[in-house]
Amino acid sequence: MERAVDPSGITVVRGRSVRLDVFAAAGDAKNVKLKDVVTGADRSPMSAGFMAWLREDSFAWTLDYYEFERGLEGTLEITVDGRSVRAHEGDVVFIPKGSKIVFGTPSSVRVFYVTHPASWAK
């Protein structure tokens, strides 16, 4: 991953250089890919990264943090309490802390996310 960090702390991550890793927490046999590109290690109270998956890799998740998703490719489908919300390329979704959802897609999806606090994975 290519990053440029100014002495001020301003950080640029070259999006095209980011290679996603398997996100094992999504569950066995799921091919969900994820990569945090800004974390608490960057002195940020938020984290940010990229995530992608296919229809067959949809997964249930409980958020112990706040999250924004921005659609980059495909359609993001979030199911909560039996209702589905869809977001497309360029759309932004806010997911409140404590939400119990299913991250899904009717085909494939790639998103950029921002979480607060940065320690979302703990």
PDB file of N, CA and C in Angstrom:
ATOM      1  N   MET A   1       0.845  -1.162   0.000  1.00  0.00           N
ATOM      2  CA  MET A   1       0.000   0.000   0.000  1.00  0.00           C
ATOM      3  C   MET A   1       0.898   1.236   0.000  1.00  0.00           C
ATOM      4  N   GLU A   2       0.610   2.134  -0.899  1.00  0.00           N
ATOM      5  CA  GLU A   2       1.381   3.371  -0.982  1.00  0.00           C
ATOM      6  C   GLU A   2       0.725   4.445  -0.118  1.00  0.00           C
ATOM      7  N   ARG A   3       1.542   5.011   0.785  1.00  0.00           N
ATOM      8  CA  ARG A   3       1.063   6.074   1.680  1.00  0.00           C
ATOM      9  C   ARG A   3       2.070   7.210   1.666  1.00  0.00           C
ATOM     10  N   ALA A   4       1.563   8.422   1.725  1.00  0.00           N
ATOM     11  CA  ALA A   4       2.408   9.605   1.873  1.00  0.00           C
ATOM     12  C   ALA A   4       1.929  10.320   3.124  1.00  0.00           C
ATOM     13  N   VAL A   5       2.841  10.511   4.082  1.00  0.00           N
ATOM     14  CA  VAL A   5       2.484  11.154   5.341  1.00  0.00           C
ATOM     15  C   VAL A   5       3.277  12.445   5.479  1.00  0.00           C
ATOM     16  N   ASP A   6       2.557  13.541   5.524  1.00  0.00           N
ATOM     17  CA  ASP A   6       3.151  14.855   5.711  1.00  0.00           C
ATOM     18  C   ASP A   6       3.521  15.011   7.187  1.00  0.00           C
ATOM     19  N   PRO A   7       4.553  15.800   7.532  1.00  0.00           N
ATOM     20  CA  PRO A   7       4.900  16.017   8.946  1.00  0.00           C
ATOM     21  C   PRO A   7       3.720  16.543   9.781  1.00  0.00           C
ATOM     22  N   SER A   8       2.756  17.175   9.143  1.00  0.00           N
ATOM     23  CA  SER A   8       1.572  17.674   9.855  1.00  0.00           C
ATOM     24  C   SER A   8       0.654  16.546  10.303  1.00  0.00           C
ATOM     25  N   GLY A   9       0.843  15.348   9.746  1.00  0.00           N
ATOM     26  CA  GLY A   9      -0.028  14.223  10.029  1.00  0.00           C
ATOM     27  C   GLY A   9      -0.998  13.931   8.904  1.00  0.00           C
ATOM     28  N   ILE A  10      -1.129  14.850   7.954  1.00  0.00           N
ATOM     29  CA  ILE A  10      -1.998  14.594   6.805  1.00  0.00           C
ATOM     30  C   ILE A  10      -1.456  13.389   6.054  1.00  0.00           C
ATOM     31  N   THR A  11      -2.351  12.455   5.780  1.00  0.00           N
ATOM     32  CA  THR A  11      -1.958  11.191   5.165  1.00  0.00           C
ATOM     33  C   THR A  11      -2.739  10.973   3.877  1.00  0.00           C
ATOM     34  N   VAL A  12      -2.034  10.583   2.838  1.00  0.00           N
ATOM     35  CA  VAL A  12      -2.663  10.216   1.575  1.00  0.00           C
ATOM     36  C   VAL A  12      -2.379   8.742   1.340  1.00  0.00           C
ATOM     37  N   VAL A  13      -3.432   7.973   1.115  1.00  0.00           N
ATOM     38  CA  VAL A  13      -3.297   6.560   0.765  1.00  0.00           C
ATOM     39  C   VAL A  13      -3.701   6.434  -0.697  1.00  0.00           C
ATOM     40  N   ARG A  14      -2.835   5.876  -1.482  1.00  0.00           N
ATOM     41  CA  ARG A  14      -3.117   5.681  -2.907  1.00  0.00           C
ATOM     42  C   ARG A  14      -4.062   4.488  -3.050  1.00  0.00           C
ATOM     43  N   GLY A  15      -5.340   4.786  -3.269  1.00  0.00           N
ATOM     44  CA  GLY A  15      -6.383   3.758  -3.296  1.00  0.00           C
ATOM     45  C   GLY A  15      -6.104   2.607  -4.236  1.00  0.00           C
ATOM     46  N   ARG A  16      -5.531   2.904  -5.369  1.00  0.00           N
ATOM     47  CA  ARG A  16      -5.252   1.839  -6.347  1.00  0.00           C
ATOM     48  C   ARG A  16      -4.140   0.906  -5.894  1.00  0.00           C
ATOM     49  N   SER A  17      -3.390   1.316  -4.881  1.00  0.00           N
ATOM     50  CA  SER A  17      -2.300   0.481  -4.379  1.00  0.00           C
ATOM     51  C   SER A  17      -2.757  -0.462  -3.264  1.00  0.00           C
ATOM     52  N   VAL A  18      -3.978  -0.316  -2.800  1.00  0.00           N
ATOM     53  CA  VAL A  18      -4.473  -1.093  -1.660  1.00  0.00           C
ATOM     54  C   VAL A  18      -4.867  -2.495  -2.103  1.00  0.00           C
ATOM     55  N   ARG A  19      -4.306  -3.501  -1.443  1.00  0.00           N
ATOM     56  CA  ARG A  19      -4.644  -4.901  -1.676  1.00  0.00           C
ATOM     57  C   ARG A  19      -5.387  -5.397  -0.437  1.00  0.00           C
ATOM     58  N   LEU A  20      -6.577  -5.910  -0.639  1.00  0.00           N
ATOM     59  CA  LEU A  20      -7.410  -6.350   0.472  1.00  0.00           C
ATOM     60  C   LEU A  20      -6.982  -7.732   0.963  1.00  0.00           C
ATOM     61  N   ASP A  21      -7.157  -7.935   2.268  1.00  0.00           N
ATOM     62  CA  ASP A  21      -6.863  -9.218   2.905  1.00  0.00           C
ATOM     63  C   ASP A  21      -8.176  -9.922   3.243  1.00  0.00           C
ATOM     64  N   VAL A  22      -8.131 -11.229   3.417  1.00  0.00           N
ATOM     65  CA  VAL A  22      -9.313 -11.972   3.848  1.00  0.00           C
ATOM     66  C   VAL A  22      -9.703 -11.500   5.243  1.00  0.00           C
ATOM     67  N   PHE A  23     -10.988 -11.219   5.409  1.00  0.00           N
ATOM     68  CA  PHE A  23     -11.539 -10.780   6.691  1.00  0.00           C
ATOM     69  C   PHE A  23     -12.149 -11.997   7.387  1.00  0.00           C
ATOM     70  N   ALA A  24     -11.339 -12.723   8.137  1.00  0.00           N
ATOM     71  CA  ALA A  24     -11.749 -13.989   8.750  1.00  0.00           C
ATOM     72  C   ALA A  24     -12.932 -13.825   9.699  1.00  0.00           C
ATOM     73  N   ALA A  25     -13.083 -12.662  10.310  1.00  0.00           N
ATOM     74  CA  ALA A  25     -14.165 -12.438  11.268  1.00  0.00           C
ATOM     75  C   ALA A  25     -15.548 -12.490  10.612  1.00  0.00           C
ATOM     76  N   ALA A  26     -15.604 -12.430   9.280  1.00  0.00           N
ATOM     77  CA  ALA A  26     -16.891 -12.528   8.580  1.00  0.00           C
ATOM     78  C   ALA A  26     -17.459 -13.938   8.645  1.00  0.00           C
ATOM     79  N   GLY A  27     -16.631 -14.914   8.965  1.00  0.00           N
ATOM     80  CA  GLY A  27     -17.104 -16.284   9.108  1.00  0.00           C
ATOM     81  C   GLY A  27     -16.361 -17.259   8.213  1.00  0.00           C
ATOM     82  N   ASP A  28     -16.429 -18.514   8.622  1.00  0.00           N
ATOM     83  CA  ASP A  28     -15.802 -19.583   7.848  1.00  0.00           C
ATOM     84  C   ASP A  28     -16.404 -19.649   6.448  1.00  0.00           C
ATOM     85  N   ALA A  29     -15.594 -19.950   5.495  1.00  0.00           N
ATOM     86  CA  ALA A  29     -15.992 -20.123   4.098  1.00  0.00           C
ATOM     87  C   ALA A  29     -16.499 -18.839   3.463  1.00  0.00           C
ATOM     88  N   LYS A  30     -16.273 -17.693   4.094  1.00  0.00           N
ATOM     89  CA  LYS A  30     -16.661 -16.405   3.508  1.00  0.00           C
ATOM     90  C   LYS A  30     -15.424 -15.776   2.877  1.00  0.00           C
ATOM     91  N   ASN A  31     -15.585 -15.238   1.692  1.00  0.00           N
ATOM     92  CA  ASN A  31     -14.471 -14.613   0.997  1.00  0.00           C
ATOM     93  C   ASN A  31     -14.617 -13.089   1.029  1.00  0.00           C
ATOM     94  N   VAL A  32     -14.815 -12.567   2.230  1.00  0.00           N
ATOM     95  CA  VAL A  32     -14.912 -11.122   2.420  1.00  0.00           C
ATOM     96  C   VAL A  32     -13.502 -10.581   2.509  1.00  0.00           C
ATOM     97  N   LYS A  33     -13.238  -9.492   1.805  1.00  0.00           N
ATOM     98  CA  LYS A  33     -11.901  -8.885   1.802  1.00  0.00           C
ATOM     99  C   LYS A  33     -11.985  -7.510   2.450  1.00  0.00           C
ATOM    100  N   LEU A  34     -10.938  -7.144   3.192  1.00  0.00           N
ATOM    101  CA  LEU A  34     -10.933  -5.894   3.946  1.00  0.00           C
ATOM    102  C   LEU A  34      -9.508  -5.400   4.128  1.00  0.00           C
ATOM    103  N   LYS A  35      -9.349  -4.091   4.215  1.00  0.00           N
ATOM    104  CA  LYS A  35      -8.050  -3.513   4.532  1.00  0.00           C
ATOM    105  C   LYS A  35      -8.259  -2.157   5.175  1.00  0.00           C
ATOM    106  N   ASP A  36      -7.821  -2.023   6.442  1.00  0.00           N
ATOM    107  CA  ASP A  36      -7.790  -0.716   7.095  1.00  0.00           C
ATOM    108  C   ASP A  36      -6.629   0.066   6.504  1.00  0.00           C
ATOM    109  N   VAL A  37      -6.862   1.317   6.137  1.00  0.00           N
ATOM    110  CA  VAL A  37      -5.792   2.134   5.571  1.00  0.00           C
ATOM    111  C   VAL A  37      -5.411   3.302   6.478  1.00  0.00           C
ATOM    112  N   VAL A  38      -6.285   3.648   7.419  1.00  0.00           N
ATOM    113  CA  VAL A  38      -5.992   4.631   8.467  1.00  0.00           C
ATOM    114  C   VAL A  38      -6.500   4.032   9.765  1.00  0.00           C
ATOM    115  N   THR A  39      -5.675   4.082  10.814  1.00  0.00           N
ATOM    116  CA  THR A  39      -6.040   3.485  12.097  1.00  0.00           C
ATOM    117  C   THR A  39      -5.598   4.392  13.245  1.00  0.00           C
ATOM    118  N   GLY A  40      -5.822   3.931  14.436  1.00  0.00           N
ATOM    119  CA  GLY A  40      -5.355   4.652  15.609  1.00  0.00           C
ATOM    120  C   GLY A  40      -3.849   4.831  15.614  1.00  0.00           C
ATOM    121  N   ALA A  41      -3.128   3.949  14.945  1.00  0.00           N
ATOM    122  CA  ALA A  41      -1.671   4.073  14.847  1.00  0.00           C
ATOM    123  C   ALA A  41      -1.269   5.342  14.099  1.00  0.00           C
ATOM    124  N   ASP A  42      -2.224   5.904  13.347  1.00  0.00           N
ATOM    125  CA  ASP A  42      -1.976   7.155  12.627  1.00  0.00           C
ATOM    126  C   ASP A  42      -2.376   8.370  13.471  1.00  0.00           C
ATOM    127  N   ARG A  43      -2.606   8.142  14.751  1.00  0.00           N
ATOM    128  CA  ARG A  43      -3.068   9.185  15.692  1.00  0.00           C
ATOM    129  C   ARG A  43      -4.463   9.691  15.309  1.00  0.00           C
ATOM    130  N   SER A  44      -5.273   8.812  14.746  1.00  0.00           N
ATOM    131  CA  SER A  44      -6.625   9.168  14.342  1.00  0.00           C
ATOM    132  C   SER A  44      -7.639   8.550  15.303  1.00  0.00           C
ATOM    133  N   PRO A  45      -8.690   9.292  15.693  1.00  0.00           N
ATOM    134  CA  PRO A  45      -9.746   8.709  16.507  1.00  0.00           C
ATOM    135  C   PRO A  45     -10.716   7.863  15.675  1.00  0.00           C
ATOM    136  N   MET A  46     -10.513   7.878  14.347  1.00  0.00           N
ATOM    137  CA  MET A  46     -11.348   7.113  13.424  1.00  0.00           C
ATOM    138  C   MET A  46     -10.452   6.155  12.640  1.00  0.00           C
ATOM    139  N   SER A  47     -11.078   5.136  12.062  1.00  0.00           N
ATOM    140  CA  SER A  47     -10.351   4.286  11.120  1.00  0.00           C
ATOM    141  C   SER A  47     -11.062   4.363   9.779  1.00  0.00           C
ATOM    142  N   ALA A  48     -10.358   3.977   8.737  1.00  0.00           N
ATOM    143  CA  ALA A  48     -10.938   3.974   7.400  1.00  0.00           C
ATOM    144  C   ALA A  48     -10.309   2.850   6.607  1.00  0.00           C
ATOM    145  N   GLY A  49     -11.064   2.344   5.644  1.00  0.00           N
ATOM    146  CA  GLY A  49     -10.530   1.277   4.822  1.00  0.00           C
ATOM    147  C   GLY A  49     -11.472   0.880   3.711  1.00  0.00           C
ATOM    148  N   PHE A  50     -11.146  -0.228   3.079  1.00  0.00           N
ATOM    149  CA  PHE A  50     -11.905  -0.758   1.961  1.00  0.00           C
ATOM    150  C   PHE A  50     -12.382  -2.165   2.287  1.00  0.00           C
ATOM    151  N   MET A  51     -13.548  -2.527   1.756  1.00  0.00           N
ATOM    152  CA  MET A  51     -14.088  -3.867   1.967  1.00  0.00           C
ATOM    153  C   MET A  51     -14.819  -4.284   0.693  1.00  0.00           C
ATOM    154  N   ALA A  52     -14.783  -5.582   0.369  1.00  0.00           N
ATOM    155  CA  ALA A  52     -15.441  -6.097  -0.825  1.00  0.00           C
ATOM    156  C   ALA A  52     -15.888  -7.537  -0.591  1.00  0.00           C
ATOM    157  N   TRP A  53     -17.008  -7.919  -1.242  1.00  0.00           N
ATOM    158  CA  TRP A  53     -17.488  -9.294  -1.168  1.00  0.00           C
ATOM    159  C   TRP A  53     -18.503  -9.538  -2.283  1.00  0.00           C
ATOM    160  N   LEU A  54     -18.824 -10.809  -2.468  1.00  0.00           N
ATOM    161  CA  LEU A  54     -19.812 -11.249  -3.447  1.00  0.00           C
ATOM    162  C   LEU A  54     -21.106 -11.651  -2.738  1.00  0.00           C
ATOM    163  N   ARG A  55     -22.184 -11.835  -3.498  1.00  0.00           N
ATOM    164  CA  ARG A  55     -23.490 -12.192  -2.936  1.00  0.00           C
ATOM    165  C   ARG A  55     -23.396 -13.375  -1.968  1.00  0.00           C
ATOM    166  N   GLU A  56     -22.690 -14.409  -2.373  1.00  0.00           N
ATOM    167  CA  GLU A  56     -22.620 -15.615  -1.541  1.00  0.00           C
ATOM    168  C   GLU A  56     -21.803 -15.426  -0.264  1.00  0.00           C
ATOM    169  N   ASP A  57     -21.144 -14.313  -0.130  1.00  0.00           N
ATOM    170  CA  ASP A  57     -20.312 -14.055   1.050  1.00  0.00           C
ATOM    171  C   ASP A  57     -20.947 -13.067   2.026  1.00  0.00           C
ATOM    172  N   SER A  58     -22.232 -12.757   1.837  1.00  0.00           N
ATOM    173  CA  SER A  58     -22.925 -11.866   2.763  1.00  0.00           C
ATOM    174  C   SER A  58     -22.782 -12.404   4.180  1.00  0.00           C
ATOM    175  N   PHE A  59     -22.751 -11.487   5.180  1.00  0.00           N
ATOM    176  CA  PHE A  59     -22.490 -11.931   6.546  1.00  0.00           C
ATOM    177  C   PHE A  59     -23.177 -11.040   7.575  1.00  0.00           C
ATOM    178  N   ALA A  60     -23.543 -11.665   8.697  1.00  0.00           N
ATOM    179  CA  ALA A  60     -24.160 -10.943   9.814  1.00  0.00           C
ATOM    180  C   ALA A  60     -23.079 -10.245  10.622  1.00  0.00           C
ATOM    181  N   TRP A  61     -23.434  -9.068  11.169  1.00  0.00           N
ATOM    182  CA  TRP A  61     -22.458  -8.291  11.922  1.00  0.00           C
ATOM    183  C   TRP A  61     -23.166  -7.411  12.944  1.00  0.00           C
ATOM    184  N   THR A  62     -22.561  -7.256  14.120  1.00  0.00           N
ATOM    185  CA  THR A  62     -23.039  -6.314  15.130  1.00  0.00           C
ATOM    186  C   THR A  62     -21.989  -5.239  15.287  1.00  0.00           C
ATOM    187  N   LEU A  63     -22.402  -3.993  15.162  1.00  0.00           N
ATOM    188  CA  LEU A  63     -21.462  -2.868  15.237  1.00  0.00           C
ATOM    189  C   LEU A  63     -21.407  -2.324  16.659  1.00  0.00           C
ATOM    190  N   ASP A  64     -20.224  -2.363  17.237  1.00  0.00           N
ATOM    191  CA  ASP A  64     -19.974  -1.763  18.549  1.00  0.00           C
ATOM    192  C   ASP A  64     -19.320  -0.405  18.363  1.00  0.00           C
ATOM    193  N   TYR A  65     -19.585   0.238  17.259  1.00  0.00           N
ATOM    194  CA  TYR A  65     -18.967   1.499  16.842  1.00  0.00           C
ATOM    195  C   TYR A  65     -19.885   2.126  15.802  1.00  0.00           C
ATOM    196  N   TYR A  66     -19.621   3.350  15.432  1.00  0.00           N
ATOM    197  CA  TYR A  66     -20.363   4.043  14.371  1.00  0.00           C
ATOM    198  C   TYR A  66     -19.629   3.820  13.054  1.00  0.00           C
ATOM    199  N   GLU A  67     -20.386   3.713  11.969  1.00  0.00           N
ATOM    200  CA  GLU A  67     -19.733   3.468  10.685  1.00  0.00           C
ATOM    201  C   GLU A  67     -20.441   4.198   9.549  1.00  0.00           C
ATOM    202  N   PHE A  68     -19.629   4.717   8.638  1.00  0.00           N
ATOM    203  CA  PHE A  68     -20.101   5.245   7.365  1.00  0.00           C
ATOM    204  C   PHE A  68     -19.577   4.338   6.276  1.00  0.00           C
ATOM    205  N   GLU A  69     -20.392   4.086   5.263  1.00  0.00           N
ATOM    206  CA  GLU A  69     -19.990   3.317   4.093  1.00  0.00           C
ATOM    207  C   GLU A  69     -20.233   4.190   2.871  1.00  0.00           C
ATOM    208  N   ARG A  70     -19.318   4.176   1.933  1.00  0.00           N
ATOM    209  CA  ARG A  70     -19.529   4.841   0.648  1.00  0.00           C
ATOM    210  C   ARG A  70     -19.353   3.804  -0.441  1.00  0.00           C
ATOM    211  N   GLY A  71     -20.376   3.637  -1.247  1.00  0.00           N
ATOM    212  CA  GLY A  71     -20.332   2.672  -2.332  1.00  0.00           C
ATOM    213  C   GLY A  71     -19.339   3.082  -3.406  1.00  0.00           C
ATOM    214  N   LEU A  72     -18.442   2.166  -3.752  1.00  0.00           N
ATOM    215  CA  LEU A  72     -17.472   2.414  -4.823  1.00  0.00           C
ATOM    216  C   LEU A  72     -17.830   1.652  -6.092  1.00  0.00           C
ATOM    217  N   GLU A  73     -18.268   0.410  -5.920  1.00  0.00           N
ATOM    218  CA  GLU A  73     -18.646  -0.444  -7.052  1.00  0.00           C
ATOM    219  C   GLU A  73     -19.795  -1.337  -6.610  1.00  0.00           C
ATOM    220  N   GLY A  74     -20.724  -1.611  -7.501  1.00  0.00           N
ATOM    221  CA  GLY A  74     -21.807  -2.536  -7.199  1.00  0.00           C
ATOM    222  C   GLY A  74     -22.853  -1.943  -6.280  1.00  0.00           C
ATOM    223  N   THR A  75     -23.624  -2.834  -5.645  1.00  0.00           N
ATOM    224  CA  THR A  75     -24.729  -2.438  -4.772  1.00  0.00           C
ATOM    225  C   THR A  75     -24.508  -3.010  -3.380  1.00  0.00           C
ATOM    226  N   LEU A  76     -24.548  -2.139  -2.384  1.00  0.00           N
ATOM    227  CA  LEU A  76     -24.473  -2.539  -0.980  1.00  0.00           C
ATOM    228  C   LEU A  76     -25.893  -2.734  -0.478  1.00  0.00           C
ATOM    229  N   GLU A  77     -26.134  -3.859   0.165  1.00  0.00           N
ATOM    230  CA  GLU A  77     -27.443  -4.114   0.762  1.00  0.00           C
ATOM    231  C   GLU A  77     -27.236  -4.386   2.243  1.00  0.00           C
ATOM    232  N   ILE A  78     -27.895  -3.603   3.077  1.00  0.00           N
ATOM    233  CA  ILE A  78     -27.816  -3.796   4.521  1.00  0.00           C
ATOM    234  C   ILE A  78     -29.202  -4.171   5.017  1.00  0.00           C
ATOM    235  N   THR A  79     -29.291  -5.316   5.683  1.00  0.00           N
ATOM    236  CA  THR A  79     -30.564  -5.786   6.220  1.00  0.00           C
ATOM    237  C   THR A  79     -30.543  -5.628   7.731  1.00  0.00           C
ATOM    238  N   VAL A  80     -31.602  -4.992   8.246  1.00  0.00           N
ATOM    239  CA  VAL A  80     -31.754  -4.776   9.686  1.00  0.00           C
ATOM    240  C   VAL A  80     -33.224  -4.990  10.035  1.00  0.00           C
ATOM    241  N   ASP A  81     -33.462  -5.817  11.038  1.00  0.00           N
ATOM    242  CA  ASP A  81     -34.838  -6.098  11.484  1.00  0.00           C
ATOM    243  C   ASP A  81     -35.751  -6.515  10.328  1.00  0.00           C
ATOM    244  N   GLY A  82     -35.215  -7.293   9.385  1.00  0.00           N
ATOM    245  CA  GLY A  82     -36.007  -7.798   8.273  1.00  0.00           C
ATOM    246  C   GLY A  82     -36.213  -6.814   7.128  1.00  0.00           C
ATOM    247  N   ARG A  83     -35.696  -5.600   7.267  1.00  0.00           N
ATOM    248  CA  ARG A  83     -35.815  -4.590   6.209  1.00  0.00           C
ATOM    249  C   ARG A  83     -34.464  -4.419   5.545  1.00  0.00           C
ATOM    250  N   SER A  84     -34.486  -4.185   4.225  1.00  0.00           N
ATOM    251  CA  SER A  84     -33.235  -3.997   3.501  1.00  0.00           C
ATOM    252  C   SER A  84     -33.121  -2.571   2.985  1.00  0.00           C
ATOM    253  N   VAL A  85     -31.912  -2.035   3.093  1.00  0.00           N
ATOM    254  CA  VAL A  85     -31.572  -0.720   2.570  1.00  0.00           C
ATOM    255  C   VAL A  85     -30.499  -0.940   1.518  1.00  0.00           C
ATOM    256  N   ARG A  86     -30.675  -0.334   0.356  1.00  0.00           N
ATOM    257  CA  ARG A  86     -29.685  -0.486  -0.711  1.00  0.00           C
ATOM    258  C   ARG A  86     -28.991   0.834  -0.982  1.00  0.00           C
ATOM    259  N   ALA A  87     -27.711   0.741  -1.260  1.00  0.00           N
ATOM    260  CA  ALA A  87     -26.910   1.905  -1.630  1.00  0.00           C
ATOM    261  C   ALA A  87     -26.088   1.531  -2.852  1.00  0.00           C
ATOM    262  N   HIS A  88     -25.913   2.495  -3.726  1.00  0.00           N
ATOM    263  CA  HIS A  88     -25.212   2.266  -4.982  1.00  0.00           C
ATOM    264  C   HIS A  88     -23.927   3.089  -5.021  1.00  0.00           C
ATOM    265  N   GLU A  89     -23.206   2.980  -6.115  1.00  0.00           N
ATOM    266  CA  GLU A  89     -21.955   3.723  -6.279  1.00  0.00           C
ATOM    267  C   GLU A  89     -22.180   5.206  -5.994  1.00  0.00           C
ATOM    268  N   GLY A  90     -21.352   5.756  -5.113  1.00  0.00           N
ATOM    269  CA  GLY A  90     -21.446   7.166  -4.763  1.00  0.00           C
ATOM    270  C   GLY A  90     -22.346   7.459  -3.580  1.00  0.00           C
ATOM    271  N   ASP A  91     -23.212   6.513  -3.193  1.00  0.00           N
ATOM    272  CA  ASP A  91     -24.090   6.718  -2.045  1.00  0.00           C
ATOM    273  C   ASP A  91     -23.311   6.569  -0.744  1.00  0.00           C
ATOM    274  N   VAL A  92     -23.792   7.240   0.290  1.00  0.00           N
ATOM    275  CA  VAL A  92     -23.187   7.162   1.616  1.00  0.00           C
ATOM    276  C   VAL A  92     -24.229   6.629   2.588  1.00  0.00           C
ATOM    277  N   VAL A  93     -23.831   5.692   3.437  1.00  0.00           N
ATOM    278  CA  VAL A  93     -24.711   5.078   4.427  1.00  0.00           C
ATOM    279  C   VAL A  93     -24.117   5.300   5.811  1.00  0.00           C
ATOM    280  N   PHE A  94     -24.958   5.688   6.769  1.00  0.00           N
ATOM    281  CA  PHE A  94     -24.547   5.781   8.175  1.00  0.00           C
ATOM    282  C   PHE A  94     -25.175   4.608   8.905  1.00  0.00           C
ATOM    283  N   ILE A  95     -24.364   3.876   9.679  1.00  0.00           N
ATOM    284  CA  ILE A  95     -24.849   2.746  10.481  1.00  0.00           C
ATOM    285  C   ILE A  95     -24.590   3.086  11.948  1.00  0.00           C
ATOM    286  N   PRO A  96     -25.658   3.230  12.754  1.00  0.00           N
ATOM    287  CA  PRO A  96     -25.477   3.594  14.162  1.00  0.00           C
ATOM    288  C   PRO A  96     -24.818   2.484  14.987  1.00  0.00           C
ATOM    289  N   LYS A  97     -24.122   2.893  16.018  1.00  0.00           N
ATOM    290  CA  LYS A  97     -23.524   1.971  16.981  1.00  0.00           C
ATOM    291  C   LYS A  97     -24.627   1.085  17.564  1.00  0.00           C
ATOM    292  N   GLY A  98     -24.314  -0.193  17.726  1.00  0.00           N
ATOM    293  CA  GLY A  98     -25.264  -1.144  18.294  1.00  0.00           C
ATOM    294  C   GLY A  98     -26.144  -1.837  17.269  1.00  0.00           C
ATOM    295  N   SER A  99     -26.019  -1.468  15.998  1.00  0.00           N
ATOM    296  CA  SER A  99     -26.844  -2.082  14.950  1.00  0.00           C
ATOM    297  C   SER A  99     -26.461  -3.542  14.743  1.00  0.00           C
ATOM    298  N   LYS A 100     -27.484  -4.398  14.591  1.00  0.00           N
ATOM    299  CA  LYS A 100     -27.291  -5.805  14.254  1.00  0.00           C
ATOM    300  C   LYS A 100     -27.807  -5.961  12.831  1.00  0.00           C
ATOM    301  N   ILE A 101     -26.881  -6.200  11.908  1.00  0.00           N
ATOM    302  CA  ILE A 101     -27.215  -6.147  10.487  1.00  0.00           C
ATOM    303  C   ILE A 101     -26.676  -7.358   9.744  1.00  0.00           C
ATOM    304  N   VAL A 102     -27.047  -7.434   8.479  1.00  0.00           N
ATOM    305  CA  VAL A 102     -26.410  -8.344   7.537  1.00  0.00           C
ATOM    306  C   VAL A 102     -25.856  -7.474   6.416  1.00  0.00           C
ATOM    307  N   PHE A 103     -24.542  -7.560   6.200  1.00  0.00           N
ATOM    308  CA  PHE A 103     -23.908  -6.913   5.059  1.00  0.00           C
ATOM    309  C   PHE A 103     -24.143  -7.827   3.862  1.00  0.00           C
ATOM    310  N   GLY A 104     -24.772  -7.311   2.821  1.00  0.00           N
ATOM    311  CA  GLY A 104     -25.061  -8.129   1.667  1.00  0.00           C
ATOM    312  C   GLY A 104     -24.890  -7.363   0.369  1.00  0.00           C
ATOM    313  N   THR A 105     -25.168  -8.036  -0.720  1.00  0.00           N
ATOM    314  CA  THR A 105     -25.159  -7.464  -2.061  1.00  0.00           C
ATOM    315  C   THR A 105     -25.913  -8.413  -2.982  1.00  0.00           C
ATOM    316  N   PRO A 106     -26.629  -7.885  -3.969  1.00  0.00           N
ATOM    317  CA  PRO A 106     -27.283  -8.787  -4.918  1.00  0.00           C
ATOM    318  C   PRO A 106     -26.310  -9.411  -5.911  1.00  0.00           C
ATOM    319  N   SER A 107     -25.103  -8.878  -6.013  1.00  0.00           N
ATOM    320  CA  SER A 107     -24.110  -9.432  -6.941  1.00  0.00           C
ATOM    321  C   SER A 107     -22.706  -9.311  -6.360  1.00  0.00           C
ATOM    322  N   SER A 108     -22.152  -8.097  -6.348  1.00  0.00           N
ATOM    323  CA  SER A 108     -20.845  -7.837  -5.744  1.00  0.00           C
ATOM    324  C   SER A 108     -20.824  -6.386  -5.289  1.00  0.00           C
ATOM    325  N   VAL A 109     -19.903  -6.099  -4.367  1.00  0.00           N
ATOM    326  CA  VAL A 109     -19.813  -4.737  -3.843  1.00  0.00           C
ATOM    327  C   VAL A 109     -18.398  -4.459  -3.368  1.00  0.00           C
ATOM    328  N   ARG A 110     -18.003  -3.204  -3.503  1.00  0.00           N
ATOM    329  CA  ARG A 110     -16.751  -2.689  -2.933  1.00  0.00           C
ATOM    330  C   ARG A 110     -17.106  -1.353  -2.309  1.00  0.00           C
ATOM    331  N   VAL A 111     -16.724  -1.184  -1.038  1.00  0.00           N
ATOM    332  CA  VAL A 111     -17.057   0.042  -0.313  1.00  0.00           C
ATOM    333  C   VAL A 111     -15.813   0.625   0.350  1.00  0.00           C
ATOM    334  N   PHE A 112     -15.905   1.899   0.656  1.00  0.00           N
ATOM    335  CA  PHE A 112     -14.940   2.589   1.503  1.00  0.00           C
ATOM    336  C   PHE A 112     -15.667   2.871   2.801  1.00  0.00           C
ATOM    337  N   TYR A 113     -15.049   2.587   3.940  1.00  0.00           N
ATOM    338  CA  TYR A 113     -15.715   2.791   5.222  1.00  0.00           C
ATOM    339  C   TYR A 113     -14.886   3.668   6.148  1.00  0.00           C
ATOM    340  N   VAL A 114     -15.594   4.324   7.046  1.00  0.00           N
ATOM    341  CA  VAL A 114     -14.995   5.105   8.126  1.00  0.00           C
ATOM    342  C   VAL A 114     -15.699   4.686   9.400  1.00  0.00           C
ATOM    343  N   THR A 115     -14.927   4.374  10.445  1.00  0.00           N
ATOM    344  CA  THR A 115     -15.509   3.974  11.723  1.00  0.00           C
ATOM    345  C   THR A 115     -15.042   4.897  12.832  1.00  0.00           C
ATOM    346  N   HIS A 116     -15.864   4.977  13.862  1.00  0.00           N
ATOM    347  CA  HIS A 116     -15.495   5.702  15.086  1.00  0.00           C
ATOM    348  C   HIS A 116     -15.986   4.883  16.258  1.00  0.00           C
ATOM    349  N   PRO A 117     -15.124   4.534  17.194  1.00  0.00           N
ATOM    350  CA  PRO A 117     -13.706   4.901  17.265  1.00  0.00           C
ATOM    351  C   PRO A 117     -12.846   4.037  16.347  1.00  0.00           C
ATOM    352  N   ALA A 118     -11.571   4.401  16.289  1.00  0.00           N
ATOM    353  CA  ALA A 118     -10.633   3.715  15.415  1.00  0.00           C
ATOM    354  C   ALA A 118     -10.461   2.249  15.791  1.00  0.00           C
ATOM    355  N   SER A 119     -10.697   1.920  17.035  1.00  0.00           N
ATOM    356  CA  SER A 119     -10.468   0.548  17.524  1.00  0.00           C
ATOM    357  C   SER A 119     -11.676  -0.354  17.274  1.00  0.00           C
ATOM    358  N   TRP A 120     -12.333  -0.226  16.132  1.00  0.00           N
ATOM    359  CA  TRP A 120     -13.541  -0.981  15.825  1.00  0.00           C
ATOM    360  C   TRP A 120     -13.343  -2.492  15.911  1.00  0.00           C
ATOM    361  N   ALA A 121     -12.166  -2.970  15.595  1.00  0.00           N
ATOM    362  CA  ALA A 121     -11.933  -4.418  15.512  1.00  0.00           C
ATOM    363  C   ALA A 121     -11.736  -5.087  16.870  1.00  0.00           C
ATOM    364  N   LYS A 122     -11.719  -4.320  17.925  1.00  0.00           N
ATOM    365  CA  LYS A 122     -11.489  -4.920  19.249  1.00  0.00           C
ATOM    366  C   LYS A 122     -12.766  -5.431  19.861  1.00  0.00           C
TER     367      LYS A 122
END
